[in-house]
């Protein structure tokens, strides 16, 4: 049985809550950098998603959602999970080499890569003049990030490259996800991604982390739990709950808050320099997101979700 997702208008309360969620997501790169102070790069990823997988499993059982994928479609979950593992490995490795502020900007280029790929691979999702203007603004922001020289080392360049590749993979996985979503629930997809990725992260930790655990201080544990419980568990459930009721257009009008929050918190909590090029890049990326997402409201057809039997 299928049902169309509702597209009810956001109330002031749900609007503020959506903005709050975007701030939480924007702070995730900062939390990852703090966790790196006491945990190995891939150890951090393994612990984060292991904890999140347990929490989501409990939530799925509590909500009485099916855990088993539909018969004959397991291979799709394997494909999307393999891409997820590679993408997140690149994200964590990239953030270990560059600043959280730069990482936040690069990760938030995903909507621009997604628009570009969707034009070629998703029927009916074409690049309009408005979207083209947004793309130009966003990629101009990218050009400023990668061309900046002030305080940029070779490690920064390597980290930036890994994050750009991860962001492209993320956009590509969403294009694929749009083609298979009718056969799976979002909860199933995210849970299987985590279950598949955790052993890979553990293997990477054993191979490449100099020390898996260095110092389990309160800030490190707090940053790890923030990633696992706030963004990977609560954030996902809350976002998808809002998505089901209000639709993608209303929610994505707030995504410009993510890079803003990430860059500001990087300067405030990590003491990273917020240079002129970072501010200019942030302005162009935020402007591009606003151009793309802030448009007159209209009814939008969003993918159907399968109800539990």
Protein backbone atom coordinates (compact mmCIF):
# COMPACT_ATOMS: atom_id res chain seq x y z
CA UNK A 1 0.00 0.00 0.00
CA UNK A 2 1.38 3.44 -0.90
CA UNK A 3 0.46 6.97 0.05
CA UNK A 4 1.66 10.37 -1.14
CA UNK A 5 3.63 12.43 1.32
CA UNK A 6 1.67 15.43 2.57
CA UNK A 7 2.84 18.94 1.78
CA UNK A 8 1.32 20.90 4.65
CA UNK A 9 2.71 24.41 5.22
CA UNK A 10 5.21 24.82 8.01
CA UNK A 11 3.86 26.47 11.15
CA UNK A 12 6.07 28.97 13.02
CA UNK A 13 6.94 26.22 15.51
CA UNK A 14 7.85 23.61 12.89
CA UNK A 15 9.74 26.27 10.94
CA UNK A 16 11.87 27.09 13.99
CA UNK A 17 12.39 23.38 14.65
CA UNK A 18 13.52 22.83 11.04
CA UNK A 19 15.98 25.71 11.36
CA UNK A 20 17.22 24.17 14.62
CA UNK A 21 17.76 20.80 12.91
CA UNK A 22 19.77 22.49 10.15
CA UNK A 23 21.97 24.09 12.81
CA UNK A 24 22.53 20.67 14.38
CA UNK A 25 23.51 19.17 11.02
CA UNK A 26 25.78 22.12 10.27
CA UNK A 27 27.68 21.55 13.52
CA UNK A 28 28.48 17.93 12.71
CA UNK A 29 31.85 18.63 11.07
CA UNK A 30 32.90 20.53 14.20
CA UNK A 31 31.91 17.54 16.37
CA UNK A 32 33.96 15.22 14.13
CA UNK A 33 37.04 17.42 14.51
CA UNK A 34 36.66 17.46 18.30
CA UNK A 35 36.33 13.66 18.38
CA UNK A 36 39.59 13.37 16.42
CA UNK A 37 41.40 14.83 19.45
CA UNK A 38 40.92 11.56 21.33
CA UNK A 39 39.96 8.93 18.76
CA UNK A 40 41.40 7.65 15.51
CA UNK A 41 39.82 8.93 12.30
CA UNK A 42 38.13 5.69 11.26
CA UNK A 43 37.58 4.61 14.86
CA UNK A 44 35.41 7.70 15.24
CA UNK A 45 33.34 6.72 12.21
CA UNK A 46 32.98 3.10 13.38
CA UNK A 47 31.83 4.06 16.88
CA UNK A 48 29.48 6.75 15.63
CA UNK A 49 27.58 4.51 13.25
CA UNK A 50 27.65 1.46 15.54
CA UNK A 51 25.88 3.46 18.26
CA UNK A 52 23.51 5.03 15.73
CA UNK A 53 22.66 1.60 14.24
CA UNK A 54 21.68 0.27 17.68
CA UNK A 55 19.51 3.32 18.36
CA UNK A 56 17.79 3.14 14.96
CA UNK A 57 17.18 -0.60 15.35
CA UNK A 58 15.42 0.05 18.66
CA UNK A 59 13.41 2.85 17.04
CA UNK A 60 12.39 0.68 14.08
CA UNK A 61 11.25 -2.12 16.37
CA UNK A 62 9.40 0.36 18.59
CA UNK A 63 7.59 1.81 15.56
CA UNK A 64 6.91 -1.71 14.25
CA UNK A 65 8.61 -1.07 10.90
CA UNK A 66 9.89 -4.13 9.01
CA UNK A 67 13.63 -4.74 9.27
CA UNK A 68 13.94 -7.20 6.40
CA UNK A 69 14.20 -5.71 2.90
CA UNK A 70 11.65 -6.71 0.23
CA UNK A 71 12.48 -10.03 -1.43
CA UNK A 72 14.68 -9.59 -4.48
CA UNK A 73 15.84 -6.07 -3.64
CA UNK A 74 18.68 -6.74 -1.19
CA UNK A 75 21.27 -6.04 -3.90
CA UNK A 76 20.05 -2.43 -4.10
CA UNK A 77 20.75 -1.94 -0.41
CA UNK A 78 24.20 -3.48 -0.87
CA UNK A 79 25.01 -1.02 -3.67
CA UNK A 80 23.79 2.06 -1.80
CA UNK A 81 25.53 0.87 1.39
CA UNK A 82 28.85 0.30 -0.38
CA UNK A 83 28.76 3.83 -1.78
CA UNK A 84 27.86 5.14 1.70
CA UNK A 85 30.88 3.39 3.25
CA UNK A 86 33.28 4.81 0.67
CA UNK A 87 31.72 8.28 0.86
CA UNK A 88 31.90 8.50 4.67
CA UNK A 89 35.44 7.10 4.69
CA UNK A 90 36.42 9.98 2.40
CA UNK A 91 34.55 12.49 4.59
CA UNK A 92 36.31 11.41 7.78
CA UNK A 93 39.71 11.18 6.13
CA UNK A 94 39.18 14.55 4.45
CA UNK A 95 38.15 16.27 7.67
CA UNK A 96 41.25 14.89 9.39
CA UNK A 97 43.37 16.83 6.89
CA UNK A 98 41.52 20.14 6.54
CA UNK A 99 39.64 22.65 8.68
CA UNK A 100 36.03 22.08 9.71
CA UNK A 101 35.04 25.41 8.15
CA UNK A 102 36.41 24.38 4.74
CA UNK A 103 34.93 20.91 5.14
CA UNK A 104 31.49 22.33 5.97
CA UNK A 105 31.51 24.46 2.84
CA UNK A 106 32.61 21.59 0.59
CA UNK A 107 30.11 19.10 2.03
CA UNK A 108 27.29 21.60 1.58
CA UNK A 109 27.99 21.73 -2.15
CA UNK A 110 26.05 18.48 -2.43
CA UNK A 111 22.80 20.14 -3.62
CA UNK A 112 24.68 21.70 -6.53
CA UNK A 113 26.27 18.43 -7.64
CA UNK A 114 22.87 16.76 -7.20
CA UNK A 115 21.15 19.30 -9.45
CA UNK A 116 23.78 18.79 -12.12
CA UNK A 117 23.55 14.97 -12.03
CA UNK A 118 19.76 14.97 -11.80
CA UNK A 119 19.57 16.91 -15.08
CA UNK A 120 21.08 13.91 -16.88
CA UNK A 121 19.84 10.94 -14.88
CA UNK A 122 16.40 11.81 -13.43
CA UNK A 123 13.63 12.24 -16.02
CA UNK A 124 11.86 15.59 -15.73
CA UNK A 125 14.40 17.09 -13.31
CA UNK A 126 15.90 19.67 -15.64
CA UNK A 127 18.20 22.61 -14.97
CA UNK A 128 16.14 25.79 -15.31
CA UNK A 129 17.48 29.34 -15.57
CA UNK A 130 16.93 29.80 -11.82
CA UNK A 131 18.74 26.56 -11.02
CA UNK A 132 21.56 27.51 -13.39
CA UNK A 133 22.06 30.80 -11.53
CA UNK A 134 22.18 28.88 -8.26
CA UNK A 135 24.70 26.43 -9.71
CA UNK A 136 26.95 29.24 -10.95
CA UNK A 137 26.88 30.86 -7.50
CA UNK A 138 27.58 27.59 -5.68
CA UNK A 139 30.44 26.50 -7.93
CA UNK A 140 31.93 30.00 -7.76
CA UNK A 141 32.02 29.45 -4.00
CA UNK A 142 33.79 26.12 -4.60
CA UNK A 143 36.35 27.80 -6.86
CA UNK A 144 37.18 30.32 -4.13
CA UNK A 145 37.61 27.59 -1.50
CA UNK A 146 39.98 25.47 -3.57
CA UNK A 147 41.95 28.39 -5.03
CA UNK A 148 42.61 30.12 -1.70
CA UNK A 149 46.25 30.15 -0.58
CA UNK A 150 46.14 31.88 2.81
CA UNK A 151 47.24 29.31 5.42
CA UNK A 152 46.51 26.42 3.03
CA UNK A 153 48.93 23.48 3.27
CA UNK A 154 49.36 20.38 1.13
CA UNK A 155 47.32 18.43 3.70
CA UNK A 156 44.49 20.92 3.26
CA UNK A 157 44.55 20.34 -0.49
CA UNK A 158 44.41 16.57 0.02
CA UNK A 159 41.58 16.86 2.52
CA UNK A 160 39.64 19.22 0.26
CA UNK A 161 40.01 16.81 -2.67
CA UNK A 162 38.72 13.90 -0.59
CA UNK A 163 35.71 15.94 0.56
CA UNK A 164 34.85 17.07 -2.96
CA UNK A 165 34.98 13.45 -4.16
CA UNK A 166 32.83 12.39 -1.19
CA UNK A 167 30.29 15.09 -1.98
CA UNK A 168 30.06 13.99 -5.62
CA UNK A 169 29.55 10.38 -4.47
CA UNK A 170 26.86 11.57 -2.04
CA UNK A 171 25.00 13.35 -4.84
CA UNK A 172 25.33 10.29 -7.10
CA UNK A 173 23.97 8.01 -4.38
CA UNK A 174 20.89 10.21 -4.02
CA UNK A 175 20.26 10.01 -7.76
CA UNK A 176 20.40 6.21 -7.46
CA UNK A 177 18.26 6.33 -4.31
CA UNK A 178 15.53 8.22 -6.16
CA UNK A 179 15.34 5.28 -8.57
CA UNK A 180 14.98 2.59 -5.88
CA UNK A 181 13.15 4.39 -3.06
CA UNK A 182 9.75 2.88 -3.93
CA UNK A 183 11.01 -0.55 -2.84
CA UNK A 184 12.41 0.47 0.56
CA UNK A 185 11.61 2.63 3.56
CA UNK A 186 14.07 5.44 4.44
CA UNK A 187 14.61 3.85 7.86
CA UNK A 188 15.65 0.56 6.27
CA UNK A 189 18.04 2.28 3.88
CA UNK A 190 19.86 4.26 6.55
CA UNK A 191 20.05 1.29 8.95
CA UNK A 192 21.49 -1.05 6.32
CA UNK A 193 24.01 1.61 5.28
CA UNK A 194 25.24 1.82 8.86
CA UNK A 195 25.32 -1.95 9.42
CA UNK A 196 27.27 -2.45 6.18
CA UNK A 197 29.70 0.41 6.86
CA UNK A 198 30.68 -0.27 10.48
CA UNK A 199 32.85 -3.37 9.76
CA UNK A 200 34.56 -1.46 6.93
CA UNK A 201 35.31 1.47 9.25
CA UNK A 202 36.68 -0.95 11.86
CA UNK A 203 38.96 -2.58 9.29
CA UNK A 204 40.17 0.87 8.17
CA UNK A 205 40.79 1.79 11.81
CA UNK A 206 42.90 -1.33 12.36
CA UNK A 207 44.89 -0.67 9.19
CA UNK A 208 45.37 3.10 9.23
CA UNK A 209 44.62 4.64 12.63
CA UNK A 210 47.94 5.08 14.46
CA UNK A 211 46.03 4.70 17.72
CA UNK A 212 42.35 3.84 17.83
CA UNK A 213 41.78 5.41 21.26
CA UNK A 214 44.01 8.20 22.56
CA UNK A 215 42.00 10.08 25.17
CA UNK A 216 38.35 9.52 26.11
CA UNK A 217 37.86 12.97 27.59
CA UNK A 218 34.45 14.51 28.19
CA UNK A 219 34.63 16.72 25.05
CA UNK A 220 35.66 13.74 22.91
CA UNK A 221 32.87 11.50 24.25
CA UNK A 222 30.39 14.35 23.93
CA UNK A 223 31.41 14.96 20.32
CA UNK A 224 31.09 11.24 19.53
CA UNK A 225 27.64 10.99 21.12
CA UNK A 226 26.60 14.16 19.29
CA UNK A 227 27.41 12.53 15.96
CA UNK A 228 25.75 9.23 16.88
CA UNK A 229 22.66 10.35 18.77
CA UNK A 230 21.94 13.90 17.65
CA UNK A 231 22.67 13.89 13.90
CA UNK A 232 22.76 10.22 12.85
CA UNK A 233 19.79 9.11 15.00
CA UNK A 234 17.54 11.92 16.28
CA UNK A 235 18.29 14.22 13.36
CA UNK A 236 17.45 11.59 10.76
CA UNK A 237 14.19 10.52 12.42
CA UNK A 238 13.12 14.12 13.01
CA UNK A 239 13.97 15.24 9.45
CA UNK A 240 12.11 12.34 7.84
CA UNK A 241 9.11 12.89 10.12
CA UNK A 242 8.95 16.51 8.95
CA UNK A 243 9.55 15.43 5.35
CA UNK A 244 6.60 13.06 5.44
CA UNK A 245 4.25 15.79 6.69
CA UNK A 246 5.54 18.91 4.96
CA UNK A 247 7.42 17.73 1.88
CA UNK A 248 10.90 18.42 0.57
CA UNK A 249 10.35 21.95 -0.78
CA UNK A 250 9.41 23.47 2.59
CA UNK A 251 12.25 21.78 4.45
CA UNK A 252 14.99 22.45 1.93
CA UNK A 253 14.26 26.17 2.10
CA UNK A 254 16.26 26.06 5.34
CA UNK A 255 19.37 24.20 4.16
CA UNK A 256 21.34 27.44 3.79
CA UNK A 257 21.57 27.45 7.61
CA UNK A 258 23.86 24.38 7.58
CA UNK A 259 26.99 26.01 6.10
CA UNK A 260 26.35 29.18 8.10
CA UNK A 261 26.21 27.23 11.37
CA UNK A 262 29.21 25.07 10.48
CA UNK A 263 31.50 27.96 9.59
CA UNK A 264 30.52 30.10 12.59
CA UNK A 265 30.92 27.21 15.05
CA UNK A 266 34.28 26.28 13.51
CA UNK A 267 35.56 29.73 14.38
CA UNK A 268 33.89 29.91 17.80
CA UNK A 269 34.57 26.39 19.13
CA UNK A 270 37.73 25.37 17.27
CA UNK A 271 39.35 28.78 16.86
CA UNK A 272 39.77 28.29 13.12
CA UNK A 273 40.55 31.42 11.12
CA UNK A 274 37.54 32.70 9.20
CA UNK A 275 39.36 34.31 6.28
CA UNK A 276 38.01 36.65 3.63
CA UNK A 277 37.95 33.81 1.11
CA UNK A 278 35.94 31.62 3.52
CA UNK A 279 33.39 34.42 4.06
CA UNK A 280 33.13 35.11 0.32
CA UNK A 281 32.78 31.41 -0.48
CA UNK A 282 30.15 31.02 2.24
CA UNK A 283 28.21 33.98 0.85
CA UNK A 284 28.17 32.54 -2.67
CA UNK A 285 27.18 29.03 -1.52
CA UNK A 286 24.38 30.37 0.71
CA UNK A 287 23.18 32.62 -2.12
CA UNK A 288 23.15 29.65 -4.50
CA UNK A 289 21.14 27.55 -2.04
CA UNK A 290 18.64 30.38 -1.58
CA UNK A 291 18.27 30.87 -5.32
CA UNK A 292 17.62 27.15 -5.81
CA UNK A 293 15.29 26.50 -2.89
CA UNK A 294 13.42 29.74 -2.16
CA UNK A 295 10.71 29.87 -4.79
CA UNK A 296 6.93 30.24 -4.77
CA UNK A 297 5.26 27.35 -2.97
CA UNK A 298 3.40 24.89 -5.10
CA UNK A 299 2.18 21.37 -4.78
CA UNK A 300 5.06 18.96 -5.16
CA UNK A 301 4.92 15.26 -5.92
CA UNK A 302 7.33 13.50 -3.58
CA UNK A 303 8.19 9.82 -3.71
CA UNK A 304 5.64 7.52 -2.07
CA UNK A 305 6.39 5.80 1.20
CA UNK A 306 5.21 2.28 1.91
CA UNK A 307 3.07 1.94 4.99
CA UNK A 308 3.81 -0.84 7.42
CA UNK A 309 1.32 -3.71 7.17
